């Protein structure tokens, strides 16, 4: 993870533009008394499961449900095909 401190909104926008064009993903913006910080994941880096946002967790669940549905449909198709061949 890359953490970058910034001071102005213009600087913030430039950092986001530069890092996202390099393939980084903005994952966190913090404005605390010590300053303003941006957190980025590098292009091939992923978040550990406990650090994922609620949206990311929901997307993972949706992806799993879609794959399960596709697998179930393939099994149904196989059963239908085998039953048709027996008739």
PDB file of N, CA and C in Angstrom:
ATOM      1  N   UNK A   1       0.838  -1.166   0.000  1.00  0.00           N
ATOM      2  CA  UNK A   1       0.000   0.000   0.000  1.00  0.00           C
ATOM      3  C   UNK A   1       0.889   1.237   0.000  1.00  0.00           C
ATOM      4  N   UNK A   2       0.447   2.242  -0.720  1.00  0.00           N
ATOM      5  CA  UNK A   2       1.168   3.506  -0.796  1.00  0.00           C
ATOM      6  C   UNK A   2       0.341   4.557  -0.056  1.00  0.00           C
ATOM      7  N   UNK A   3       0.962   5.280   0.867  1.00  0.00           N
ATOM      8  CA  UNK A   3       0.299   6.367   1.583  1.00  0.00           C
ATOM      9  C   UNK A   3       0.993   7.666   1.179  1.00  0.00           C
ATOM     10  N   UNK A   4       0.201   8.643   0.739  1.00  0.00           N
ATOM     11  CA  UNK A   4       0.761   9.918   0.289  1.00  0.00           C
ATOM     12  C   UNK A   4       0.067  11.057   1.032  1.00  0.00           C
ATOM     13  N   UNK A   5       0.867  11.970   1.569  1.00  0.00           N
ATOM     14  CA  UNK A   5       0.335  13.142   2.262  1.00  0.00           C
ATOM     15  C   UNK A   5       0.192  14.282   1.257  1.00  0.00           C
ATOM     16  N   UNK A   6      -0.900  15.035   1.381  1.00  0.00           N
ATOM     17  CA  UNK A   6      -1.100  16.199   0.519  1.00  0.00           C
ATOM     18  C   UNK A   6      -1.604  17.365   1.361  1.00  0.00           C
ATOM     19  N   UNK A   7      -1.486  18.587   0.795  1.00  0.00           N
ATOM     20  CA  UNK A   7      -1.929  19.764   1.547  1.00  0.00           C
ATOM     21  C   UNK A   7      -3.068  20.509   0.863  1.00  0.00           C
ATOM     22  N   UNK A   8      -3.074  20.566  -0.458  1.00  0.00           N
ATOM     23  CA  UNK A   8      -4.121  21.329  -1.151  1.00  0.00           C
ATOM     24  C   UNK A   8      -5.013  20.405  -1.971  1.00  0.00           C
ATOM     25  N   UNK A   9      -6.209  20.882  -2.283  1.00  0.00           N
ATOM     26  CA  UNK A   9      -7.139  20.117  -3.120  1.00  0.00           C
ATOM     27  C   UNK A   9      -6.547  19.888  -4.507  1.00  0.00           C
ATOM     28  N   UNK A  10      -5.845  20.878  -5.022  1.00  0.00           N
ATOM     29  CA  UNK A  10      -5.205  20.745  -6.337  1.00  0.00           C
ATOM     30  C   UNK A  10      -4.151  19.635  -6.309  1.00  0.00           C
ATOM     31  N   UNK A  11      -3.365  19.617  -5.255  1.00  0.00           N
ATOM     32  CA  UNK A  11      -2.349  18.576  -5.089  1.00  0.00           C
ATOM     33  C   UNK A  11      -3.014  17.203  -4.974  1.00  0.00           C
ATOM     34  N   UNK A  12      -4.116  17.132  -4.239  1.00  0.00           N
ATOM     35  CA  UNK A  12      -4.879  15.882  -4.079  1.00  0.00           C
ATOM     36  C   UNK A  12      -5.329  15.346  -5.429  1.00  0.00           C
ATOM     37  N   UNK A  13      -5.925  16.215  -6.232  1.00  0.00           N
ATOM     38  CA  UNK A  13      -6.414  15.797  -7.543  1.00  0.00           C
ATOM     39  C   UNK A  13      -5.273  15.327  -8.447  1.00  0.00           C
ATOM     40  N   UNK A  14      -4.131  16.016  -8.379  1.00  0.00           N
ATOM     41  CA  UNK A  14      -2.981  15.642  -9.201  1.00  0.00           C
ATOM     42  C   UNK A  14      -2.422  14.284  -8.778  1.00  0.00           C
ATOM     43  N   UNK A  15      -2.333  14.049  -7.480  1.00  0.00           N
ATOM     44  CA  UNK A  15      -1.835  12.763  -6.975  1.00  0.00           C
ATOM     45  C   UNK A  15      -2.760  11.635  -7.420  1.00  0.00           C
ATOM     46  N   UNK A  16      -4.065  11.838  -7.262  1.00  0.00           N
ATOM     47  CA  UNK A  16      -5.030  10.813  -7.670  1.00  0.00           C
ATOM     48  C   UNK A  16      -4.909  10.539  -9.158  1.00  0.00           C
ATOM     49  N   UNK A  17      -4.822  11.592  -9.955  1.00  0.00           N
ATOM     50  CA  UNK A  17      -4.692  11.430 -11.408  1.00  0.00           C
ATOM     51  C   UNK A  17      -3.423  10.667 -11.772  1.00  0.00           C
ATOM     52  N   UNK A  18      -2.301  11.065 -11.178  1.00  0.00           N
ATOM     53  CA  UNK A  18      -1.019  10.414 -11.475  1.00  0.00           C
ATOM     54  C   UNK A  18      -1.030   8.941 -11.075  1.00  0.00           C
ATOM     55  N   UNK A  19      -1.475   8.654  -9.863  1.00  0.00           N
ATOM     56  CA  UNK A  19      -1.440   7.272  -9.365  1.00  0.00           C
ATOM     57  C   UNK A  19      -2.423   6.364 -10.100  1.00  0.00           C
ATOM     58  N   UNK A  20      -3.622   6.860 -10.386  1.00  0.00           N
ATOM     59  CA  UNK A  20      -4.583   6.010 -11.094  1.00  0.00           C
ATOM     60  C   UNK A  20      -4.135   5.757 -12.526  1.00  0.00           C
ATOM     61  N   UNK A  21      -3.447   6.727 -13.139  1.00  0.00           N
ATOM     62  CA  UNK A  21      -2.932   6.496 -14.495  1.00  0.00           C
ATOM     63  C   UNK A  21      -1.813   5.454 -14.495  1.00  0.00           C
ATOM     64  N   UNK A  22      -1.182   5.237 -13.345  1.00  0.00           N
ATOM     65  CA  UNK A  22      -0.143   4.211 -13.197  1.00  0.00           C
ATOM     66  C   UNK A  22      -0.740   2.855 -12.828  1.00  0.00           C
ATOM     67  N   UNK A  23      -2.066   2.788 -12.726  1.00  0.00           N
ATOM     68  CA  UNK A  23      -2.727   1.524 -12.415  1.00  0.00           C
ATOM     69  C   UNK A  23      -3.016   1.307 -10.942  1.00  0.00           C
ATOM     70  N   UNK A  24      -2.714   2.296 -10.109  1.00  0.00           N
ATOM     71  CA  UNK A  24      -2.996   2.176  -8.676  1.00  0.00           C
ATOM     72  C   UNK A  24      -4.484   2.409  -8.424  1.00  0.00           C
ATOM     73  N   UNK A  25      -4.985   1.870  -7.325  1.00  0.00           N
ATOM     74  CA  UNK A  25      -6.385   2.030  -6.942  1.00  0.00           C
ATOM     75  C   UNK A  25      -6.468   2.834  -5.658  1.00  0.00           C
ATOM     76  N   UNK A  26      -7.224   3.930  -5.693  1.00  0.00           N
ATOM     77  CA  UNK A  26      -7.436   4.735  -4.493  1.00  0.00           C
ATOM     78  C   UNK A  26      -8.370   3.976  -3.566  1.00  0.00           C
ATOM     79  N   UNK A  27      -7.911   3.717  -2.343  1.00  0.00           N
ATOM     80  CA  UNK A  27      -8.754   2.948  -1.428  1.00  0.00           C
ATOM     81  C   UNK A  27      -9.138   3.715  -0.175  1.00  0.00           C
ATOM     82  N   UNK A  28      -8.439   4.808   0.116  1.00  0.00           N
ATOM     83  CA  UNK A  28      -8.753   5.497   1.357  1.00  0.00           C
ATOM     84  C   UNK A  28      -8.313   6.945   1.297  1.00  0.00           C
ATOM     85  N   UNK A  29      -9.135   7.817   1.862  1.00  0.00           N
ATOM     86  CA  UNK A  29      -8.806   9.228   2.023  1.00  0.00           C
ATOM     87  C   UNK A  29      -8.981   9.541   3.502  1.00  0.00           C
ATOM     88  N   UNK A  30      -7.949  10.064   4.123  1.00  0.00           N
ATOM     89  CA  UNK A  30      -8.012  10.394   5.551  1.00  0.00           C
ATOM     90  C   UNK A  30      -7.669  11.859   5.755  1.00  0.00           C
ATOM     91  N   UNK A  31      -8.493  12.557   6.477  1.00  0.00           N
ATOM     92  CA  UNK A  31      -8.222  13.933   6.876  1.00  0.00           C
ATOM     93  C   UNK A  31      -8.163  13.940   8.400  1.00  0.00           C
ATOM     94  N   UNK A  32      -6.944  13.961   8.915  1.00  0.00           N
ATOM     95  CA  UNK A  32      -6.759  13.913  10.364  1.00  0.00           C
ATOM     96  C   UNK A  32      -5.897  15.091  10.791  1.00  0.00           C
ATOM     97  N   UNK A  33      -5.725  15.274  12.077  1.00  0.00           N
ATOM     98  CA  UNK A  33      -4.985  16.438  12.565  1.00  0.00           C
ATOM     99  C   UNK A  33      -3.542  16.473  12.070  1.00  0.00           C
ATOM    100  N   UNK A  34      -2.969  15.315  11.779  1.00  0.00           N
ATOM    101  CA  UNK A  34      -1.592  15.266  11.287  1.00  0.00           C
ATOM    102  C   UNK A  34      -1.492  15.639   9.815  1.00  0.00           C
ATOM    103  N   UNK A  35      -2.625  15.734   9.130  1.00  0.00           N
ATOM    104  CA  UNK A  35      -2.611  16.098   7.714  1.00  0.00           C
ATOM    105  C   UNK A  35      -3.620  15.299   6.923  1.00  0.00           C
ATOM    106  N   UNK A  36      -3.568  15.489   5.626  1.00  0.00           N
ATOM    107  CA  UNK A  36      -4.462  14.798   4.698  1.00  0.00           C
ATOM    108  C   UNK A  36      -3.673  13.713   3.978  1.00  0.00           C
ATOM    109  N   UNK A  37      -4.253  12.521   3.911  1.00  0.00           N
ATOM    110  CA  UNK A  37      -3.546  11.390   3.336  1.00  0.00           C
ATOM    111  C   UNK A  37      -4.419  10.645   2.332  1.00  0.00           C
ATOM    112  N   UNK A  38      -3.769  10.107   1.301  1.00  0.00           N
ATOM    113  CA  UNK A  38      -4.416   9.240   0.320  1.00  0.00           C
ATOM    114  C   UNK A  38      -3.752   7.872   0.408  1.00  0.00           C
ATOM    115  N   UNK A  39      -4.545   6.819   0.364  1.00  0.00           N
ATOM    116  CA  UNK A  39      -4.015   5.460   0.366  1.00  0.00           C
ATOM    117  C   UNK A  39      -4.308   4.787  -0.962  1.00  0.00           C
ATOM    118  N   UNK A  40      -3.299   4.205  -1.570  1.00  0.00           N
ATOM    119  CA  UNK A  40      -3.441   3.537  -2.859  1.00  0.00           C
ATOM    120  C   UNK A  40      -2.943   2.102  -2.778  1.00  0.00           C
ATOM    121  N   UNK A  41      -3.588   1.221  -3.532  1.00  0.00           N
ATOM    122  CA  UNK A  41      -3.054  -0.121  -3.754  1.00  0.00           C
ATOM    123  C   UNK A  41      -2.272  -0.086  -5.047  1.00  0.00           C
ATOM    124  N   UNK A  42      -1.129  -0.745  -5.068  1.00  0.00           N
ATOM    125  CA  UNK A  42      -0.355  -0.840  -6.294  1.00  0.00           C
ATOM    126  C   UNK A  42      -1.080  -1.768  -7.267  1.00  0.00           C
ATOM    127  N   UNK A  43      -0.743  -1.692  -8.579  1.00  0.00           N
ATOM    128  CA  UNK A  43      -1.507  -2.432  -9.596  1.00  0.00           C
ATOM    129  C   UNK A  43      -1.777  -3.902  -9.301  1.00  0.00           C
ATOM    130  N   UNK A  44      -0.827  -4.652  -8.788  1.00  0.00           N
ATOM    131  CA  UNK A  44      -1.037  -6.090  -8.561  1.00  0.00           C
ATOM    132  C   UNK A  44      -1.305  -6.429  -7.101  1.00  0.00           C
ATOM    133  N   UNK A  45      -1.610  -5.426  -6.302  1.00  0.00           N
ATOM    134  CA  UNK A  45      -1.813  -5.618  -4.868  1.00  0.00           C
ATOM    135  C   UNK A  45      -3.310  -5.749  -4.565  1.00  0.00           C
ATOM    136  N   UNK A  46      -3.662  -6.613  -3.621  1.00  0.00           N
ATOM    137  CA  UNK A  46      -5.057  -6.750  -3.202  1.00  0.00           C
ATOM    138  C   UNK A  46      -5.160  -6.539  -1.699  1.00  0.00           C
ATOM    139  N   UNK A  47      -6.337  -6.155  -1.276  1.00  0.00           N
ATOM    140  CA  UNK A  47      -6.581  -5.952   0.153  1.00  0.00           C
ATOM    141  C   UNK A  47      -6.763  -7.282   0.860  1.00  0.00           C
ATOM    142  N   UNK A  48      -6.284  -7.396   2.091  1.00  0.00           N
ATOM    143  CA  UNK A  48      -6.637  -8.578   2.873  1.00  0.00           C
ATOM    144  C   UNK A  48      -8.141  -8.555   3.129  1.00  0.00           C
ATOM    145  N   UNK A  49      -8.737  -9.709   3.343  1.00  0.00           N
ATOM    146  CA  UNK A  49     -10.194  -9.821   3.486  1.00  0.00           C
ATOM    147  C   UNK A  49     -10.751  -8.885   4.556  1.00  0.00           C
ATOM    148  N   UNK A  50     -10.054  -8.751   5.687  1.00  0.00           N
ATOM    149  CA  UNK A  50     -10.589  -7.925   6.772  1.00  0.00           C
ATOM    150  C   UNK A  50     -10.497  -6.428   6.493  1.00  0.00           C
ATOM    151  N   UNK A  51      -9.760  -6.023   5.464  1.00  0.00           N
ATOM    152  CA  UNK A  51      -9.636  -4.603   5.136  1.00  0.00           C
ATOM    153  C   UNK A  51     -10.532  -4.192   3.970  1.00  0.00           C
ATOM    154  N   UNK A  52     -11.243  -5.140   3.391  1.00  0.00           N
ATOM    155  CA  UNK A  52     -12.100  -4.814   2.259  1.00  0.00           C
ATOM    156  C   UNK A  52     -13.292  -3.981   2.711  1.00  0.00           C
ATOM    157  N   UNK A  53     -13.717  -3.104   1.831  1.00  0.00           N
ATOM    158  CA  UNK A  53     -14.889  -2.293   2.136  1.00  0.00           C
ATOM    159  C   UNK A  53     -16.143  -3.141   1.989  1.00  0.00           C
ATOM    160  N   UNK A  54     -17.228  -2.648   2.530  1.00  0.00           N
ATOM    161  CA  UNK A  54     -18.499  -3.363   2.438  1.00  0.00           C
ATOM    162  C   UNK A  54     -18.880  -3.580   0.976  1.00  0.00           C
ATOM    163  N   UNK A  55     -18.629  -2.580   0.142  1.00  0.00           N
ATOM    164  CA  UNK A  55     -18.942  -2.708  -1.286  1.00  0.00           C
ATOM    165  C   UNK A  55     -18.129  -3.825  -1.925  1.00  0.00           C
ATOM    166  N   UNK A  56     -16.846  -3.905  -1.598  1.00  0.00           N
ATOM    167  CA  UNK A  56     -15.998  -4.958  -2.146  1.00  0.00           C
ATOM    168  C   UNK A  56     -16.470  -6.331  -1.680  1.00  0.00           C
ATOM    169  N   UNK A  57     -16.869  -6.436  -0.421  1.00  0.00           N
ATOM    170  CA  UNK A  57     -17.365  -7.714   0.095  1.00  0.00           C
ATOM    171  C   UNK A  57     -18.641  -8.126  -0.631  1.00  0.00           C
ATOM    172  N   UNK A  58     -19.541  -7.158  -0.851  1.00  0.00           N
ATOM    173  CA  UNK A  58     -20.778  -7.457  -1.581  1.00  0.00           C
ATOM    174  C   UNK A  58     -20.483  -7.876  -3.016  1.00  0.00           C
ATOM    175  N   UNK A  59     -19.526  -7.198  -3.663  1.00  0.00           N
ATOM    176  CA  UNK A  59     -19.168  -7.561  -5.036  1.00  0.00           C
ATOM    177  C   UNK A  59     -18.607  -8.977  -5.083  1.00  0.00           C
ATOM    178  N   UNK A  60     -17.788  -9.337  -4.108  1.00  0.00           N
ATOM    179  CA  UNK A  60     -17.250 -10.697  -4.043  1.00  0.00           C
ATOM    180  C   UNK A  60     -18.370 -11.723  -3.880  1.00  0.00           C
ATOM    181  N   UNK A  61     -19.372 -11.403  -3.035  1.00  0.00           N
ATOM    182  CA  UNK A  61     -20.502 -12.320  -2.851  1.00  0.00           C
ATOM    183  C   UNK A  61     -21.301 -12.467  -4.143  1.00  0.00           C
ATOM    184  N   UNK A  62     -21.508 -11.353  -4.836  1.00  0.00           N
ATOM    185  CA  UNK A  62     -22.239 -11.401  -6.110  1.00  0.00           C
ATOM    186  C   UNK A  62     -21.486 -12.251  -7.116  1.00  0.00           C
ATOM    187  N   UNK A  63     -20.172 -12.053  -7.208  1.00  0.00           N
ATOM    188  CA  UNK A  63     -19.364 -12.852  -8.135  1.00  0.00           C
ATOM    189  C   UNK A  63     -19.472 -14.338  -7.814  1.00  0.00           C
ATOM    190  N   UNK A  64     -19.439 -14.681  -6.528  1.00  0.00           N
ATOM    191  CA  UNK A  64     -19.566 -16.079  -6.113  1.00  0.00           C
ATOM    192  C   UNK A  64     -20.935 -16.637  -6.484  1.00  0.00           C
ATOM    193  N   UNK A  65     -21.987 -15.858  -6.247  1.00  0.00           N
ATOM    194  CA  UNK A  65     -23.340 -16.306  -6.598  1.00  0.00           C
ATOM    195  C   UNK A  65     -23.493 -16.515  -8.100  1.00  0.00           C
ATOM    196  N   UNK A  66     -22.909 -15.638  -8.882  1.00  0.00           N
ATOM    197  CA  UNK A  66     -22.974 -15.787 -10.343  1.00  0.00           C
ATOM    198  C   UNK A  66     -22.278 -17.073 -10.769  1.00  0.00           C
ATOM    199  N   UNK A  67     -21.086 -17.328 -10.211  1.00  0.00           N
ATOM    200  CA  UNK A  67     -20.360 -18.551 -10.565  1.00  0.00           C
ATOM    201  C   UNK A  67     -21.133 -19.792 -10.125  1.00  0.00           C
ATOM    202  N   UNK A  68     -21.711 -19.755  -8.932  1.00  0.00           N
ATOM    203  CA  UNK A  68     -22.522 -20.884  -8.462  1.00  0.00           C
ATOM    204  C   UNK A  68     -23.711 -21.118  -9.384  1.00  0.00           C
ATOM    205  N   UNK A  69     -24.343 -20.039  -9.814  1.00  0.00           N
ATOM    206  CA  UNK A  69     -25.483 -20.138 -10.714  1.00  0.00           C
ATOM    207  C   UNK A  69     -25.069 -20.754 -12.049  1.00  0.00           C
ATOM    208  N   UNK A  70     -23.939 -20.316 -12.587  1.00  0.00           N
ATOM    209  CA  UNK A  70     -23.452 -20.870 -13.854  1.00  0.00           C
ATOM    210  C   UNK A  70     -23.131 -22.355 -13.715  1.00  0.00           C
ATOM    211  N   UNK A  71     -22.514 -22.727 -12.600  1.00  0.00           N
ATOM    212  CA  UNK A  71     -22.201 -24.141 -12.365  1.00  0.00           C
ATOM    213  C   UNK A  71     -23.471 -24.970 -12.243  1.00  0.00           C
ATOM    214  N   UNK A  72     -24.462 -24.452 -11.534  1.00  0.00           N
ATOM    215  CA  UNK A  72     -25.737 -25.154 -11.380  1.00  0.00           C
ATOM    216  C   UNK A  72     -26.421 -25.311 -12.737  1.00  0.00           C
ATOM    217  N   UNK A  73     -26.383 -24.262 -13.550  1.00  0.00           N
ATOM    218  CA  UNK A  73     -27.001 -24.329 -14.874  1.00  0.00           C
ATOM    219  C   UNK A  73     -26.312 -25.385 -15.735  1.00  0.00           C
ATOM    220  N   UNK A  74     -25.000 -25.489 -15.629  1.00  0.00           N
ATOM    221  CA  UNK A  74     -24.268 -26.504 -16.387  1.00  0.00           C
ATOM    222  C   UNK A  74     -24.683 -27.905 -15.941  1.00  0.00           C
ATOM    223  N   UNK A  75     -24.871 -28.097 -14.639  1.00  0.00           N
ATOM    224  CA  UNK A  75     -25.313 -29.400 -14.129  1.00  0.00           C
ATOM    225  C   UNK A  75     -26.723 -29.728 -14.618  1.00  0.00           C
ATOM    226  N   UNK A  76     -27.600 -28.741 -14.627  1.00  0.00           N
ATOM    227  CA  UNK A  76     -28.968 -28.943 -15.121  1.00  0.00           C
ATOM    228  C   UNK A  76     -28.942 -29.310 -16.598  1.00  0.00           C
ATOM    229  N   UNK A  77     -28.132 -28.597 -17.369  1.00  0.00           N
ATOM    230  CA  UNK A  77     -28.013 -28.891 -18.801  1.00  0.00           C
ATOM    231  C   UNK A  77     -27.522 -30.317 -19.029  1.00  0.00           C
ATOM    232  N   UNK A  78     -26.556 -30.758 -18.217  1.00  0.00           N
ATOM    233  CA  UNK A  78     -26.035 -32.118 -18.334  1.00  0.00           C
ATOM    234  C   UNK A  78     -27.121 -33.142 -18.024  1.00  0.00           C
ATOM    235  N   UNK A  79     -27.904 -32.914 -16.983  1.00  0.00           N
ATOM    236  CA  UNK A  79     -29.001 -33.825 -16.634  1.00  0.00           C
ATOM    237  C   UNK A  79     -30.052 -33.887 -17.741  1.00  0.00           C
ATOM    238  N   UNK A  80     -30.410 -32.750 -18.283  1.00  0.00           N
ATOM    239  CA  UNK A  80     -31.407 -32.714 -19.362  1.00  0.00           C
ATOM    240  C   UNK A  80     -30.894 -33.470 -20.575  1.00  0.00           C
ATOM    241  N   UNK A  81     -29.640 -33.222 -20.928  1.00  0.00           N
ATOM    242  CA  UNK A  81     -29.050 -33.886 -22.093  1.00  0.00           C
ATOM    243  C   UNK A  81     -29.000 -35.394 -21.889  1.00  0.00           C
ATOM    244  N   UNK A  82     -28.586 -35.837 -20.703  1.00  0.00           N
ATOM    245  CA  UNK A  82     -28.500 -37.283 -20.460  1.00  0.00           C
ATOM    246  C   UNK A  82     -29.890 -37.919 -20.454  1.00  0.00           C
ATOM    247  N   UNK A  83     -30.889 -37.223 -19.939  1.00  0.00           N
ATOM    248  CA  UNK A  83     -32.260 -37.746 -19.952  1.00  0.00           C
ATOM    249  C   UNK A  83     -32.816 -37.821 -21.366  1.00  0.00           C
ATOM    250  N   UNK A  84     -32.480 -36.857 -22.191  1.00  0.00           N
ATOM    251  CA  UNK A  84     -32.953 -36.876 -23.578  1.00  0.00           C
ATOM    252  C   UNK A  84     -32.313 -38.019 -24.362  1.00  0.00           C
ATOM    253  N   UNK A  85     -31.053 -38.313 -24.058  1.00  0.00           N
ATOM    254  CA  UNK A  85     -30.367 -39.394 -24.761  1.00  0.00           C
ATOM    255  C   UNK A  85     -30.927 -40.757 -24.371  1.00  0.00           C
ATOM    256  N   UNK A  86     -31.456 -40.873 -23.151  1.00  0.00           N
ATOM    257  CA  UNK A  86     -32.027 -42.138 -22.693  1.00  0.00           C
ATOM    258  C   UNK A  86     -33.379 -42.414 -23.338  1.00  0.00           C
ATOM    259  N   UNK A  87     -34.057 -41.360 -23.757  1.00  0.00           N
ATOM    260  CA  UNK A  87     -35.414 -41.530 -24.295  1.00  0.00           C
ATOM    261  C   UNK A  87     -35.391 -41.959 -25.720  1.00  0.00           C
TER     262      UNK A  87
END
